[in-house]
Amino acid sequence: MANLSGTLSILSAMFTPAILVSACGSLILTTSQRLSRSLDRQREVAQLLRQNQQQAATSTPDPAEHGHLTQQLLFAIRRARLLQRAMTSFHLALSIFIGSILAIGVFELTNISRAWIIAALSVAGALILLYSSVLLMQESRLARADVAEETAYLTQFTLADQERAAKQ
């Protein structure tokens, strides 16, 4: 009976970091999707900017549109960089939590008492997870600013169209 309770104690100690491993996996998946969408947007805006520059060779370019597209490209680049840093941090946190699971198992099997190592790994993983979350918050703010800039740019055309329609 003592072996069973000791084994259950070991398993329960290993499950706590395993839940954090699962959380990291979910965050990696969603961040990967966000990064993919951000890179798609970056490519789309870069293509529109190239088209705008090609049109400039044959006609008078619209400086407002060029400025808008440049701003959109800068937003996309900054967002992709933040998301990439977050992805790297999530993978690092995942590795640390997996390392803490292994450490718990190895220390229990060898009857070595190194609780401070497990605690240090857990705290390091949690801090990196926090850092990654802060990066995602920064990216979300940037995404909001990006949408606000694009909305403001597009709204000016809608208002101009409404004014022209009212004059007719």
N, C-alpha and C. Protein backbone atom coordinates (compact mmCIF):
# COMPACT_ATOMS: atom_id res chain seq x y z
N MET A 1 0.81 -1.19 0.00
CA MET A 1 0.00 0.00 0.00
C MET A 1 0.86 1.26 0.00
N ALA A 2 2.01 1.21 0.69
CA ALA A 2 2.91 2.36 0.73
C ALA A 2 3.44 2.66 -0.65
N ASN A 3 3.75 1.63 -1.45
CA ASN A 3 4.23 1.85 -2.81
C ASN A 3 3.19 2.53 -3.67
N LEU A 4 1.92 2.14 -3.49
CA LEU A 4 0.84 2.73 -4.27
C LEU A 4 0.69 4.21 -3.94
N SER A 5 0.69 4.56 -2.66
CA SER A 5 0.55 5.97 -2.30
C SER A 5 1.76 6.79 -2.75
N GLY A 6 2.94 6.20 -2.67
CA GLY A 6 4.14 6.90 -3.16
C GLY A 6 4.09 7.11 -4.66
N THR A 7 3.63 6.09 -5.38
CA THR A 7 3.51 6.19 -6.84
C THR A 7 2.48 7.25 -7.21
N LEU A 8 1.34 7.24 -6.51
CA LEU A 8 0.30 8.24 -6.78
C LEU A 8 0.80 9.65 -6.48
N SER A 9 1.61 9.77 -5.44
CA SER A 9 2.20 11.07 -5.09
C SER A 9 3.12 11.56 -6.21
N ILE A 10 3.91 10.66 -6.74
CA ILE A 10 4.82 11.01 -7.84
C ILE A 10 4.01 11.43 -9.07
N LEU A 11 2.99 10.62 -9.39
CA LEU A 11 2.17 10.93 -10.57
C LEU A 11 1.44 12.25 -10.43
N SER A 12 0.91 12.52 -9.24
CA SER A 12 0.21 13.80 -9.06
C SER A 12 1.18 14.97 -9.15
N ALA A 13 2.41 14.80 -8.68
CA ALA A 13 3.42 15.86 -8.81
C ALA A 13 3.78 16.08 -10.27
N MET A 14 3.74 15.02 -11.06
CA MET A 14 4.08 15.14 -12.49
C MET A 14 2.93 15.73 -13.31
N PHE A 15 1.69 15.60 -12.82
CA PHE A 15 0.55 16.11 -13.58
C PHE A 15 0.46 17.63 -13.57
N THR A 16 0.90 18.27 -12.53
CA THR A 16 0.82 19.74 -12.49
C THR A 16 1.59 20.37 -13.64
N PRO A 17 2.86 20.02 -13.87
CA PRO A 17 3.54 20.59 -15.03
C PRO A 17 2.94 20.09 -16.35
N ALA A 18 2.34 18.90 -16.33
CA ALA A 18 1.74 18.37 -17.56
C ALA A 18 0.56 19.23 -18.00
N ILE A 19 -0.17 19.79 -17.06
CA ILE A 19 -1.27 20.70 -17.41
C ILE A 19 -0.69 21.96 -18.05
N LEU A 20 0.43 22.44 -17.55
CA LEU A 20 1.08 23.61 -18.14
C LEU A 20 1.64 23.28 -19.53
N VAL A 21 2.07 22.05 -19.73
CA VAL A 21 2.52 21.61 -21.05
C VAL A 21 1.34 21.68 -22.03
N SER A 22 0.18 21.22 -21.57
CA SER A 22 -1.02 21.28 -22.41
C SER A 22 -1.39 22.73 -22.73
N ALA A 23 -1.31 23.60 -21.74
CA ALA A 23 -1.61 25.01 -21.96
C ALA A 23 -0.63 25.62 -22.97
N CYS A 24 0.64 25.29 -22.83
CA CYS A 24 1.64 25.80 -23.78
C CYS A 24 1.33 25.31 -25.19
N GLY A 25 0.94 24.04 -25.31
CA GLY A 25 0.61 23.50 -26.62
C GLY A 25 -0.54 24.25 -27.26
N SER A 26 -1.56 24.55 -26.49
CA SER A 26 -2.71 25.32 -27.01
C SER A 26 -2.28 26.72 -27.43
N LEU A 27 -1.46 27.35 -26.61
CA LEU A 27 -0.99 28.70 -26.94
C LEU A 27 -0.09 28.69 -28.16
N ILE A 28 0.72 27.66 -28.31
CA ILE A 28 1.57 27.54 -29.50
C ILE A 28 0.71 27.40 -30.74
N LEU A 29 -0.32 26.58 -30.65
CA LEU A 29 -1.21 26.38 -31.80
C LEU A 29 -1.91 27.67 -32.21
N THR A 30 -2.49 28.37 -31.26
CA THR A 30 -3.20 29.61 -31.61
C THR A 30 -2.24 30.69 -32.08
N THR A 31 -1.07 30.76 -31.46
CA THR A 31 -0.09 31.76 -31.89
C THR A 31 0.43 31.45 -33.29
N SER A 32 0.59 30.18 -33.57
CA SER A 32 1.01 29.77 -34.91
C SER A 32 -0.02 30.19 -35.95
N GLN A 33 -1.29 30.03 -35.64
CA GLN A 33 -2.34 30.46 -36.55
C GLN A 33 -2.33 31.97 -36.73
N ARG A 34 -2.14 32.70 -35.65
CA ARG A 34 -2.08 34.16 -35.74
C ARG A 34 -0.88 34.59 -36.59
N LEU A 35 0.25 33.91 -36.39
CA LEU A 35 1.45 34.23 -37.17
C LEU A 35 1.21 33.95 -38.65
N SER A 36 0.57 32.86 -38.94
CA SER A 36 0.28 32.51 -40.33
C SER A 36 -0.61 33.56 -40.99
N ARG A 37 -1.66 33.99 -40.27
CA ARG A 37 -2.54 35.04 -40.82
C ARG A 37 -1.80 36.35 -40.97
N SER A 38 -0.93 36.65 -40.04
CA SER A 38 -0.16 37.90 -40.12
C SER A 38 0.79 37.88 -41.32
N LEU A 39 1.43 36.74 -41.56
CA LEU A 39 2.33 36.64 -42.71
C LEU A 39 1.56 36.71 -44.02
N ASP A 40 0.36 36.10 -44.05
CA ASP A 40 -0.48 36.22 -45.25
C ASP A 40 -0.83 37.67 -45.52
N ARG A 41 -1.19 38.40 -44.45
CA ARG A 41 -1.52 39.82 -44.59
C ARG A 41 -0.29 40.60 -45.07
N GLN A 42 0.87 40.27 -44.54
CA GLN A 42 2.10 40.95 -44.95
C GLN A 42 2.35 40.75 -46.44
N ARG A 43 2.18 39.53 -46.90
CA ARG A 43 2.38 39.24 -48.34
C ARG A 43 1.35 39.98 -49.19
N GLU A 44 0.10 40.01 -48.73
CA GLU A 44 -0.95 40.70 -49.47
C GLU A 44 -0.67 42.19 -49.60
N VAL A 45 -0.29 42.81 -48.50
CA VAL A 45 0.01 44.25 -48.52
C VAL A 45 1.25 44.53 -49.36
N ALA A 46 2.25 43.67 -49.27
CA ALA A 46 3.47 43.85 -50.07
C ALA A 46 3.12 43.78 -51.56
N GLN A 47 2.23 42.87 -51.94
CA GLN A 47 1.81 42.76 -53.33
C GLN A 47 1.06 44.02 -53.77
N LEU A 48 0.17 44.52 -52.93
CA LEU A 48 -0.56 45.76 -53.25
C LEU A 48 0.40 46.93 -53.38
N LEU A 49 1.40 46.97 -52.53
CA LEU A 49 2.40 48.04 -52.59
C LEU A 49 3.21 47.95 -53.88
N ARG A 50 3.56 46.74 -54.29
CA ARG A 50 4.26 46.57 -55.58
C ARG A 50 3.40 47.03 -56.74
N GLN A 51 2.13 46.67 -56.71
CA GLN A 51 1.21 47.10 -57.76
C GLN A 51 1.08 48.62 -57.78
N ASN A 52 1.02 49.22 -56.60
CA ASN A 52 0.94 50.67 -56.50
C ASN A 52 2.17 51.33 -57.10
N GLN A 53 3.34 50.75 -56.85
CA GLN A 53 4.58 51.29 -57.38
C GLN A 53 4.66 51.11 -58.90
N GLN A 54 4.14 50.00 -59.40
CA GLN A 54 4.12 49.78 -60.86
C GLN A 54 3.18 50.76 -61.54
N GLN A 55 2.06 51.06 -60.92
CA GLN A 55 1.13 52.03 -61.48
C GLN A 55 1.73 53.43 -61.47
N ALA A 56 2.59 53.69 -60.52
CA ALA A 56 3.24 55.00 -60.43
C ALA A 56 4.12 55.26 -61.64
N ALA A 57 4.60 54.20 -62.27
CA ALA A 57 5.45 54.36 -63.46
C ALA A 57 4.64 54.82 -64.66
N THR A 58 3.35 54.51 -64.69
CA THR A 58 2.53 54.85 -65.86
C THR A 58 1.55 55.98 -65.59
N SER A 59 1.27 56.28 -64.35
CA SER A 59 0.31 57.35 -64.03
C SER A 59 0.73 58.05 -62.76
N THR A 60 -0.06 59.03 -62.38
CA THR A 60 0.23 59.77 -61.17
C THR A 60 -0.17 58.92 -59.95
N PRO A 61 0.79 58.61 -59.10
CA PRO A 61 0.47 57.76 -57.94
C PRO A 61 -0.34 58.52 -56.89
N ASP A 62 -1.08 57.78 -56.13
CA ASP A 62 -1.83 58.36 -55.02
C ASP A 62 -0.95 58.27 -53.78
N PRO A 63 -0.40 59.41 -53.32
CA PRO A 63 0.50 59.35 -52.17
C PRO A 63 -0.19 58.87 -50.90
N ALA A 64 -1.49 59.14 -50.77
CA ALA A 64 -2.21 58.68 -49.57
C ALA A 64 -2.28 57.15 -49.56
N GLU A 65 -2.56 56.56 -50.72
CA GLU A 65 -2.64 55.10 -50.78
C GLU A 65 -1.27 54.48 -50.54
N HIS A 66 -0.24 55.08 -51.12
CA HIS A 66 1.11 54.56 -50.91
C HIS A 66 1.47 54.63 -49.42
N GLY A 67 1.16 55.74 -48.77
CA GLY A 67 1.44 55.90 -47.35
C GLY A 67 0.66 54.89 -46.50
N HIS A 68 -0.60 54.70 -46.89
CA HIS A 68 -1.45 53.74 -46.17
C HIS A 68 -0.88 52.33 -46.30
N LEU A 69 -0.52 51.92 -47.51
CA LEU A 69 0.01 50.58 -47.72
C LEU A 69 1.35 50.38 -47.01
N THR A 70 2.17 51.41 -47.01
CA THR A 70 3.44 51.33 -46.29
C THR A 70 3.20 51.15 -44.80
N GLN A 71 2.24 51.91 -44.27
CA GLN A 71 1.89 51.80 -42.85
C GLN A 71 1.35 50.40 -42.54
N GLN A 72 0.52 49.87 -43.41
CA GLN A 72 -0.04 48.52 -43.22
C GLN A 72 1.07 47.47 -43.23
N LEU A 73 2.04 47.64 -44.12
CA LEU A 73 3.16 46.70 -44.19
C LEU A 73 4.00 46.76 -42.91
N LEU A 74 4.22 47.95 -42.41
CA LEU A 74 4.98 48.10 -41.16
C LEU A 74 4.25 47.45 -39.99
N PHE A 75 2.93 47.62 -39.93
CA PHE A 75 2.14 46.95 -38.89
C PHE A 75 2.31 45.44 -38.99
N ALA A 76 2.19 44.91 -40.20
CA ALA A 76 2.28 43.45 -40.41
C ALA A 76 3.65 42.92 -40.02
N ILE A 77 4.69 43.66 -40.35
CA ILE A 77 6.05 43.23 -40.00
C ILE A 77 6.24 43.21 -38.49
N ARG A 78 5.80 44.27 -37.82
CA ARG A 78 5.94 44.34 -36.37
C ARG A 78 5.14 43.24 -35.68
N ARG A 79 3.93 42.99 -36.18
CA ARG A 79 3.11 41.93 -35.59
C ARG A 79 3.78 40.57 -35.76
N ALA A 80 4.31 40.31 -36.94
CA ALA A 80 4.96 39.02 -37.20
C ALA A 80 6.16 38.83 -36.28
N ARG A 81 6.92 39.88 -36.05
CA ARG A 81 8.09 39.78 -35.16
C ARG A 81 7.66 39.47 -33.72
N LEU A 82 6.61 40.15 -33.25
CA LEU A 82 6.12 39.88 -31.89
C LEU A 82 5.61 38.45 -31.77
N LEU A 83 4.88 38.01 -32.77
CA LEU A 83 4.34 36.65 -32.74
C LEU A 83 5.45 35.61 -32.80
N GLN A 84 6.49 35.87 -33.57
CA GLN A 84 7.61 34.93 -33.64
C GLN A 84 8.33 34.85 -32.30
N ARG A 85 8.51 35.99 -31.65
CA ARG A 85 9.14 35.98 -30.32
C ARG A 85 8.27 35.23 -29.32
N ALA A 86 6.95 35.44 -29.40
CA ALA A 86 6.04 34.73 -28.51
C ALA A 86 6.11 33.22 -28.75
N MET A 87 6.14 32.83 -30.03
CA MET A 87 6.24 31.40 -30.36
C MET A 87 7.52 30.80 -29.77
N THR A 88 8.62 31.48 -29.94
CA THR A 88 9.89 30.99 -29.40
C THR A 88 9.81 30.86 -27.88
N SER A 89 9.22 31.84 -27.23
CA SER A 89 9.09 31.81 -25.77
C SER A 89 8.17 30.69 -25.32
N PHE A 90 7.07 30.49 -26.04
CA PHE A 90 6.17 29.38 -25.68
C PHE A 90 6.87 28.03 -25.81
N HIS A 91 7.66 27.87 -26.87
CA HIS A 91 8.40 26.63 -27.04
C HIS A 91 9.43 26.44 -25.92
N LEU A 92 10.07 27.52 -25.51
CA LEU A 92 11.02 27.45 -24.41
C LEU A 92 10.31 27.06 -23.11
N ALA A 93 9.17 27.69 -22.83
CA ALA A 93 8.40 27.35 -21.63
C ALA A 93 7.96 25.89 -21.67
N LEU A 94 7.52 25.45 -22.85
CA LEU A 94 7.12 24.05 -23.01
C LEU A 94 8.28 23.12 -22.68
N SER A 95 9.45 23.43 -23.18
CA SER A 95 10.64 22.61 -22.91
C SER A 95 10.97 22.58 -21.42
N ILE A 96 10.85 23.71 -20.78
CA ILE A 96 11.15 23.77 -19.34
C ILE A 96 10.14 22.95 -18.54
N PHE A 97 8.86 23.04 -18.90
CA PHE A 97 7.86 22.25 -18.18
C PHE A 97 8.05 20.75 -18.41
N ILE A 98 8.42 20.37 -19.62
CA ILE A 98 8.73 18.96 -19.88
C ILE A 98 9.96 18.55 -19.07
N GLY A 99 10.95 19.43 -19.00
CA GLY A 99 12.13 19.15 -18.18
C GLY A 99 11.78 18.98 -16.71
N SER A 100 10.83 19.76 -16.22
CA SER A 100 10.45 19.61 -14.80
C SER A 100 9.72 18.29 -14.57
N ILE A 101 8.92 17.85 -15.55
CA ILE A 101 8.27 16.54 -15.43
C ILE A 101 9.32 15.44 -15.35
N LEU A 102 10.30 15.51 -16.25
CA LEU A 102 11.37 14.51 -16.25
C LEU A 102 12.17 14.56 -14.95
N ALA A 103 12.44 15.76 -14.47
CA ALA A 103 13.21 15.89 -13.23
C ALA A 103 12.46 15.26 -12.06
N ILE A 104 11.16 15.49 -11.99
CA ILE A 104 10.36 14.89 -10.91
C ILE A 104 10.48 13.37 -10.96
N GLY A 105 10.30 12.83 -12.17
CA GLY A 105 10.39 11.38 -12.32
C GLY A 105 11.77 10.82 -11.97
N VAL A 106 12.80 11.45 -12.49
CA VAL A 106 14.17 10.98 -12.24
C VAL A 106 14.53 11.10 -10.77
N PHE A 107 14.19 12.22 -10.14
CA PHE A 107 14.53 12.41 -8.73
C PHE A 107 13.78 11.42 -7.84
N GLU A 108 12.55 11.11 -8.19
CA GLU A 108 11.79 10.13 -7.41
C GLU A 108 12.35 8.73 -7.60
N LEU A 109 12.71 8.39 -8.82
CA LEU A 109 13.25 7.05 -9.08
C LEU A 109 14.60 6.83 -8.42
N THR A 110 15.39 7.87 -8.36
CA THR A 110 16.74 7.74 -7.80
C THR A 110 16.80 8.13 -6.32
N ASN A 111 15.66 8.51 -5.76
CA ASN A 111 15.59 8.94 -4.36
C ASN A 111 16.52 10.11 -4.05
N ILE A 112 16.68 10.98 -5.02
CA ILE A 112 17.48 12.19 -4.82
C ILE A 112 16.50 13.33 -4.50
N SER A 113 16.81 14.08 -3.49
CA SER A 113 15.94 15.19 -3.11
C SER A 113 16.52 16.50 -3.62
N ARG A 114 16.01 16.96 -4.72
CA ARG A 114 16.45 18.23 -5.31
C ARG A 114 15.22 19.08 -5.65
N ALA A 115 14.43 19.33 -4.65
CA ALA A 115 13.18 20.07 -4.84
C ALA A 115 13.45 21.47 -5.40
N TRP A 116 14.59 22.04 -5.05
CA TRP A 116 14.88 23.39 -5.52
C TRP A 116 15.02 23.43 -7.04
N ILE A 117 15.51 22.35 -7.65
CA ILE A 117 15.64 22.30 -9.12
C ILE A 117 14.26 22.30 -9.75
N ILE A 118 13.37 21.50 -9.21
CA ILE A 118 12.01 21.44 -9.74
C ILE A 118 11.32 22.79 -9.56
N ALA A 119 11.50 23.39 -8.39
CA ALA A 119 10.90 24.71 -8.13
C ALA A 119 11.47 25.75 -9.08
N ALA A 120 12.77 25.73 -9.28
CA ALA A 120 13.41 26.70 -10.18
C ALA A 120 12.90 26.52 -11.62
N LEU A 121 12.79 25.27 -12.07
CA LEU A 121 12.27 25.02 -13.41
C LEU A 121 10.83 25.52 -13.54
N SER A 122 10.02 25.26 -12.53
CA SER A 122 8.62 25.69 -12.57
C SER A 122 8.49 27.21 -12.60
N VAL A 123 9.28 27.88 -11.78
CA VAL A 123 9.24 29.35 -11.76
C VAL A 123 9.75 29.91 -13.08
N ALA A 124 10.83 29.35 -13.61
CA ALA A 124 11.36 29.83 -14.90
C ALA A 124 10.33 29.63 -16.01
N GLY A 125 9.68 28.47 -16.04
CA GLY A 125 8.66 28.22 -17.05
C GLY A 125 7.50 29.19 -16.93
N ALA A 126 7.06 29.44 -15.69
CA ALA A 126 5.95 30.37 -15.47
C ALA A 126 6.32 31.79 -15.90
N LEU A 127 7.55 32.21 -15.59
CA LEU A 127 7.99 33.55 -15.99
C LEU A 127 8.04 33.69 -17.51
N ILE A 128 8.52 32.67 -18.18
CA ILE A 128 8.59 32.71 -19.64
C ILE A 128 7.18 32.68 -20.23
N LEU A 129 6.29 31.94 -19.61
CA LEU A 129 4.89 31.92 -20.04
C LEU A 129 4.27 33.31 -19.88
N LEU A 130 4.58 33.97 -18.78
CA LEU A 130 4.10 35.35 -18.56
C LEU A 130 4.65 36.29 -19.62
N TYR A 131 5.94 36.20 -19.90
CA TYR A 131 6.58 37.03 -20.93
C TYR A 131 5.91 36.81 -22.29
N SER A 132 5.64 35.56 -22.61
CA SER A 132 5.00 35.24 -23.88
C SER A 132 3.61 35.86 -23.96
N SER A 133 2.90 35.81 -22.85
CA SER A 133 1.55 36.40 -22.81
C SER A 133 1.61 37.91 -22.99
N VAL A 134 2.61 38.55 -22.42
CA VAL A 134 2.78 39.99 -22.60
C VAL A 134 3.05 40.31 -24.08
N LEU A 135 3.85 39.48 -24.73
CA LEU A 135 4.10 39.67 -26.17
C LEU A 135 2.80 39.56 -26.97
N LEU A 136 1.96 38.60 -26.60
CA LEU A 136 0.67 38.46 -27.30
C LEU A 136 -0.23 39.66 -27.05
N MET A 137 -0.17 40.21 -25.85
CA MET A 137 -0.97 41.42 -25.58
C MET A 137 -0.47 42.59 -26.42
N GLN A 138 0.85 42.73 -26.55
CA GLN A 138 1.41 43.79 -27.39
C GLN A 138 0.98 43.60 -28.84
N GLU A 139 1.00 42.36 -29.31
CA GLU A 139 0.59 42.09 -30.69
C GLU A 139 -0.89 42.40 -30.88
N SER A 140 -1.71 42.10 -29.88
CA SER A 140 -3.14 42.41 -29.97
C SER A 140 -3.38 43.90 -30.04
N ARG A 141 -2.63 44.65 -29.25
CA ARG A 141 -2.75 46.12 -29.32
C ARG A 141 -2.34 46.64 -30.69
N LEU A 142 -1.29 46.08 -31.22
CA LEU A 142 -0.81 46.48 -32.54
C LEU A 142 -1.86 46.13 -33.60
N ALA A 143 -2.47 44.96 -33.47
CA ALA A 143 -3.52 44.56 -34.41
C ALA A 143 -4.70 45.52 -34.33
N ARG A 144 -5.05 45.94 -33.13
CA ARG A 144 -6.15 46.90 -32.96
C ARG A 144 -5.79 48.24 -33.61
N ALA A 145 -4.56 48.69 -33.41
CA ALA A 145 -4.12 49.95 -34.03
C ALA A 145 -4.11 49.83 -35.56
N ASP A 146 -3.73 48.67 -36.05
CA ASP A 146 -3.72 48.40 -37.48
C ASP A 146 -5.13 48.51 -38.06
N VAL A 147 -6.08 47.88 -37.40
CA VAL A 147 -7.47 47.92 -37.86
C VAL A 147 -8.01 49.34 -37.77
N ALA A 148 -7.68 50.07 -36.72
CA ALA A 148 -8.14 51.46 -36.57
C ALA A 148 -7.59 52.33 -37.69
N GLU A 149 -6.31 52.14 -38.05
CA GLU A 149 -5.71 52.93 -39.13
C GLU A 149 -6.38 52.60 -40.45
N GLU A 150 -6.60 51.33 -40.70
CA GLU A 150 -7.22 50.93 -41.96
C GLU A 150 -8.66 51.42 -42.04
N THR A 151 -9.38 51.35 -40.94
CA THR A 151 -10.76 51.84 -40.89
C THR A 151 -10.81 53.34 -41.15
N ALA A 152 -9.91 54.07 -40.54
CA ALA A 152 -9.87 55.52 -40.75
C ALA A 152 -9.57 55.84 -42.21
N TYR A 153 -8.66 55.09 -42.81
CA TYR A 153 -8.32 55.32 -44.22
C TYR A 153 -9.52 55.03 -45.12
N LEU A 154 -10.18 53.92 -44.89
CA LEU A 154 -11.32 53.55 -45.72
C LEU A 154 -12.53 54.43 -45.47
N THR A 155 -12.70 54.91 -44.26
CA THR A 155 -13.84 55.77 -43.92
C THR A 155 -13.79 57.09 -44.68
N GLN A 156 -12.60 57.58 -44.92
CA GLN A 156 -12.49 58.86 -45.64
C GLN A 156 -13.09 58.74 -47.04
N PHE A 157 -12.98 57.58 -47.67
CA PHE A 157 -13.55 57.38 -49.00
C PHE A 157 -15.06 57.26 -48.93
N THR A 158 -15.56 56.61 -47.91
CA THR A 158 -17.00 56.45 -47.74
C THR A 158 -17.64 57.80 -47.51
N LEU A 159 -17.03 58.63 -46.67
CA LEU A 159 -17.56 59.96 -46.41
C LEU A 159 -17.52 60.82 -47.67
N ALA A 160 -16.45 60.72 -48.43
CA ALA A 160 -16.34 61.49 -49.69
C ALA A 160 -17.41 61.04 -50.67
N ASP A 161 -17.67 59.73 -50.76
CA ASP A 161 -18.71 59.23 -51.64
C ASP A 161 -20.09 59.71 -51.20
N GLN A 162 -20.34 59.74 -49.91
CA GLN A 162 -21.62 60.21 -49.39
C GLN A 162 -21.82 61.69 -49.70
N GLU A 163 -20.76 62.48 -49.55
CA GLU A 163 -20.84 63.91 -49.84
C GLU A 163 -21.12 64.15 -51.33
N ARG A 164 -20.48 63.38 -52.21
CA ARG A 164 -20.73 63.51 -53.65
C ARG A 164 -22.16 63.12 -53.99
N ALA A 165 -22.65 62.08 -53.37
CA ALA A 165 -24.03 61.63 -53.63
C ALA A 165 -25.04 62.66 -53.13
N ALA A 166 -24.74 63.30 -52.02
CA ALA A 166 -25.66 64.32 -51.48
C ALA A 166 -25.71 65.55 -52.37
N LYS A 167 -24.61 65.88 -53.04
CA LYS A 167 -24.57 67.05 -53.92
C LYS A 167 -25.32 66.81 -55.20
N GLN A 168 -25.46 65.56 -55.61
CA GLN A 168 -26.15 65.26 -56.88
C GLN A 168 -27.60 65.24 -56.72
